[in-house]
Each structure stands twice: as C-alpha cells, then as structure tokens.
N, C-alpha and C. Protein backbone atom coordinates (compact mmCIF):
# COMPACT_ATOMS: atom_id res chain seq x y z
N MET A 1 222.62 -65.56 175.16
CA MET A 1 221.90 -66.18 174.19
C MET A 1 220.88 -65.74 174.11
N LYS A 2 220.19 -67.13 174.97
CA LYS A 2 218.64 -67.23 174.91
C LYS A 2 218.10 -65.91 175.19
N LYS A 3 218.32 -65.21 176.01
CA LYS A 3 217.52 -63.66 176.40
C LYS A 3 217.34 -62.69 174.88
N THR A 4 218.34 -62.76 174.10
CA THR A 4 218.47 -62.11 172.84
C THR A 4 217.36 -63.10 171.67
N VAL A 5 217.26 -64.23 172.12
CA VAL A 5 216.57 -64.38 171.03
C VAL A 5 214.96 -64.81 171.40
N LEU A 6 214.69 -64.76 172.55
CA LEU A 6 214.01 -64.09 173.15
C LEU A 6 213.07 -63.00 172.99
N ARG A 7 214.43 -62.00 173.42
CA ARG A 7 213.82 -60.64 173.02
C ARG A 7 213.32 -60.53 171.10
N LEU A 8 214.44 -61.18 170.88
CA LEU A 8 214.17 -60.73 168.82
C LEU A 8 212.71 -61.75 168.19
N SER A 9 212.66 -62.67 169.56
CA SER A 9 211.13 -63.11 169.02
C SER A 9 210.10 -62.72 169.02
N LEU A 10 210.09 -61.92 170.50
CA LEU A 10 208.70 -61.25 170.75
C LEU A 10 208.85 -60.18 170.21
N PHE A 11 209.56 -58.84 169.91
CA PHE A 11 209.44 -57.67 169.13
C PHE A 11 209.16 -58.23 168.03
N GLY A 12 209.95 -59.40 167.20
CA GLY A 12 209.46 -60.24 166.40
C GLY A 12 207.38 -60.43 165.81
N LEU A 13 206.99 -60.72 166.68
CA LEU A 13 205.82 -61.29 166.98
C LEU A 13 205.43 -60.11 167.17
N ALA A 14 205.80 -58.90 168.17
CA ALA A 14 204.86 -57.91 168.26
C ALA A 14 204.35 -57.60 166.75
N GLY A 15 205.67 -57.14 165.97
CA GLY A 15 205.54 -56.42 164.84
C GLY A 15 204.35 -56.89 163.85
N ALA A 16 204.28 -58.51 164.04
CA ALA A 16 203.29 -59.16 162.91
C ALA A 16 202.05 -58.25 163.16
N ILE A 17 201.66 -58.86 164.51
CA ILE A 17 200.63 -58.67 165.04
C ILE A 17 200.19 -57.44 165.08
N LEU A 18 201.29 -56.18 165.28
CA LEU A 18 200.47 -54.42 164.86
C LEU A 18 200.93 -54.25 163.09
N GLY A 19 201.44 -55.13 162.38
CA GLY A 19 201.06 -55.05 161.26
C GLY A 19 199.66 -55.73 160.52
N TYR A 20 199.80 -56.77 161.16
CA TYR A 20 197.83 -57.08 160.93
C TYR A 20 196.81 -56.10 161.13
N THR A 21 197.60 -55.97 162.56
CA THR A 21 196.12 -54.65 163.02
C THR A 21 196.46 -53.33 162.29
N TYR A 22 197.15 -53.00 161.39
CA TYR A 22 197.54 -51.98 160.57
C TYR A 22 196.78 -52.32 159.57
N TYR A 23 197.06 -53.35 159.15
CA TYR A 23 195.92 -54.10 157.46
C TYR A 23 194.53 -54.06 158.04
N ALA A 24 194.33 -54.45 159.17
CA ALA A 24 192.75 -54.54 159.32
C ALA A 24 191.91 -53.13 159.96
N PHE A 25 192.52 -52.01 160.34
CA PHE A 25 192.07 -50.89 160.42
C PHE A 25 192.16 -49.87 159.24
N ILE A 26 193.34 -49.67 158.91
CA ILE A 26 194.17 -48.43 158.29
C ILE A 26 193.97 -49.10 156.74
N GLY A 27 194.99 -49.89 156.21
CA GLY A 27 194.62 -51.15 155.03
C GLY A 27 194.96 -49.83 153.74
N CYS A 28 194.82 -51.07 152.93
CA CYS A 28 194.83 -50.14 151.52
C CYS A 28 192.80 -50.25 150.63
N ASN A 29 192.08 -49.51 150.64
CA ASN A 29 190.77 -49.68 150.07
C ASN A 29 190.97 -50.16 148.51
N ASN A 30 191.73 -49.72 147.43
CA ASN A 30 191.76 -50.02 146.86
C ASN A 30 193.16 -50.84 145.82
N GLY A 31 193.64 -51.45 146.82
CA GLY A 31 194.39 -52.97 146.34
C GLY A 31 195.94 -52.68 145.79
N THR A 32 195.87 -51.02 145.70
CA THR A 32 197.28 -50.58 144.65
C THR A 32 198.54 -50.16 146.22
N CYS A 33 198.50 -51.06 147.51
CA CYS A 33 199.39 -50.49 148.09
C CYS A 33 199.77 -51.55 148.03
N MET A 34 201.82 -51.61 147.97
CA MET A 34 202.35 -52.82 148.11
C MET A 34 202.83 -53.70 149.18
N ILE A 35 202.52 -52.86 150.20
CA ILE A 35 202.46 -53.58 151.81
C ILE A 35 201.18 -53.66 152.35
N THR A 36 200.06 -52.82 152.58
CA THR A 36 198.86 -52.66 153.62
C THR A 36 197.62 -53.67 152.30
N SER A 37 197.72 -54.02 151.54
CA SER A 37 196.61 -54.76 151.10
C SER A 37 196.35 -55.92 151.18
N ASN A 38 197.55 -56.74 151.36
CA ASN A 38 197.81 -57.83 151.53
C ASN A 38 197.96 -57.83 153.14
N PRO A 39 197.07 -59.11 153.77
CA PRO A 39 197.45 -59.05 155.00
C PRO A 39 198.93 -60.14 155.78
N MET A 40 199.54 -60.73 154.69
CA MET A 40 200.48 -61.62 154.98
C MET A 40 201.52 -60.86 154.53
N ILE A 41 201.76 -59.54 153.91
CA ILE A 41 202.76 -58.83 153.50
C ILE A 41 202.79 -58.02 154.83
N SER A 42 201.62 -57.65 154.90
CA SER A 42 201.59 -56.91 156.15
C SER A 42 202.05 -57.03 157.69
N SER A 43 201.81 -58.39 157.64
CA SER A 43 202.02 -58.86 159.01
C SER A 43 203.56 -59.38 158.87
N ALA A 44 204.27 -59.67 157.26
CA ALA A 44 205.64 -60.17 157.51
C ALA A 44 206.63 -58.86 157.33
N TYR A 45 205.94 -57.54 157.19
CA TYR A 45 206.18 -56.48 157.42
C TYR A 45 206.80 -56.02 158.75
N GLY A 46 205.86 -56.19 159.20
CA GLY A 46 205.55 -55.92 160.62
C GLY A 46 206.59 -56.49 161.84
N ALA A 47 206.93 -58.11 161.27
CA ALA A 47 206.96 -58.67 162.26
C ALA A 47 208.96 -58.57 161.58
N LEU A 48 209.51 -58.31 160.30
CA LEU A 48 210.58 -57.54 159.75
C LEU A 48 211.01 -56.17 160.70
N MET A 49 210.33 -55.57 160.60
CA MET A 49 209.79 -54.15 161.42
C MET A 49 210.21 -54.70 163.29
N GLY A 50 209.78 -55.05 163.17
CA GLY A 50 209.69 -55.59 164.95
C GLY A 50 211.15 -56.28 165.01
N PHE A 51 211.86 -57.15 164.47
CA PHE A 51 213.08 -58.08 164.50
C PHE A 51 214.24 -56.87 164.02
N LEU A 52 214.14 -56.07 163.42
CA LEU A 52 215.05 -54.79 163.67
C LEU A 52 215.14 -54.26 164.22
N LEU A 53 213.75 -53.92 165.07
CA LEU A 53 213.82 -52.74 166.32
C LEU A 53 214.21 -53.61 167.65
N GLY A 54 214.36 -54.78 168.04
CA GLY A 54 214.34 -56.05 168.19
C GLY A 54 215.93 -55.44 168.66
N GLY A 55 216.76 -56.18 167.55
CA GLY A 55 217.52 -55.91 167.48
C GLY A 55 218.75 -54.90 167.41
N SER A 56 218.22 -53.56 167.73
CA SER A 56 218.98 -52.41 168.37
C SER A 56 219.15 -52.01 169.17
N PHE A 57 218.64 -52.68 170.19
CA PHE A 57 219.38 -52.29 171.48
C PHE A 57 220.68 -53.57 171.88
N PRO A 58 221.76 -52.43 171.67
CA PRO A 58 223.38 -53.55 172.45
C PRO A 58 223.18 -54.21 173.63
N GLY A 59 223.40 -52.47 174.35
CA GLY A 59 223.13 -52.97 175.11
C GLY A 59 222.35 -53.68 176.34
N ALA A 60 221.59 -54.69 175.77
CA ALA A 60 220.48 -55.64 176.35
C ALA A 60 220.64 -57.25 176.19
N ALA A 61 221.78 -57.15 175.39
CA ALA A 61 221.94 -58.72 174.19
C ALA A 61 223.34 -59.06 175.28
N ARG A 62 224.08 -58.00 176.29
CA ARG A 62 225.27 -58.68 176.85
C ARG A 62 225.08 -59.15 178.05
N ASN A 63 225.42 -60.18 178.46
CA ASN A 63 224.76 -60.28 180.15
C ASN A 63 225.76 -59.65 181.18
N SER A 64 225.28 -59.61 182.53
CA SER A 64 225.64 -60.04 183.51
C SER A 64 227.76 -59.72 183.23
N GLU A 65 227.97 -61.17 183.12
CA GLU A 65 229.21 -61.92 184.13
C GLU A 65 230.25 -60.57 182.47
N GLU A 66 230.03 -60.40 181.02
CA GLU A 66 230.38 -59.26 180.39
C GLU A 66 230.27 -58.23 181.31
N ARG A 67 229.18 -57.58 181.31
CA ARG A 67 229.32 -56.18 181.90
C ARG A 67 230.77 -55.90 183.40
N GLU A 68 230.36 -57.31 184.03
CA GLU A 68 231.03 -56.89 185.05
C GLU A 68 233.43 -57.32 184.61
N ALA A 69 233.29 -58.03 183.62
CA ALA A 69 234.39 -58.59 182.83
C ALA A 69 235.36 -56.89 181.93
N ASN A 70 233.93 -56.27 181.94
CA ASN A 70 234.20 -55.49 180.39
C ASN A 70 233.68 -54.26 180.96
N PRO A 71 233.75 -53.45 182.22
CA PRO A 71 232.95 -52.16 183.04
C PRO A 71 233.34 -50.69 182.12
N ASP A 72 234.24 -50.61 181.23
CA ASP A 72 234.16 -49.60 180.68
C ASP A 72 233.23 -49.53 179.10
N GLN A 73 232.79 -51.27 178.56
CA GLN A 73 232.41 -50.68 177.69
C GLN A 73 230.85 -50.62 177.81
N LYS A 74 230.51 -49.80 177.34
CA LYS A 74 228.77 -49.58 176.85
C LYS A 74 228.49 -50.37 176.07
C-alpha cells in the first residue's frame, strides 16, 4: 500500500514539474490555449497525467507475498 501511494505521488510530482516546464518553455503566446496558457492549469494537468501513468502499472502494486500466494496471476 505504501509503495503504491509513494509511486503515485512521485509520478504526480514529476508530471507537475513537466507540466510547468512545458508551460515555461513552450506554452502559448496569445493566451487562447486552455491548458498551456496558465502555469497552474498546466501543472495540474501534468500532475493528473503523471498520476494516471503511475497507476497504469498493475503488477508493480502487488507485494511479494501476493505474488508467492498467486503465482498464476500476472
């Protein structure tokens, strides 16, 4: 459980940093882009994408006892 929370938190933080970096270096010049024209929205969107990416690894969330008890499941 702790590993899952830590992994999701780290992916979310990395996504927020990448979202802000995208805003800072690429962004939107005229302010009409919904996501990249605001640093808060860009960071929140990046954090959401990182969180979702971090949760897309189902095998990494199981601990070693579950793997030993159910070796047939992947």
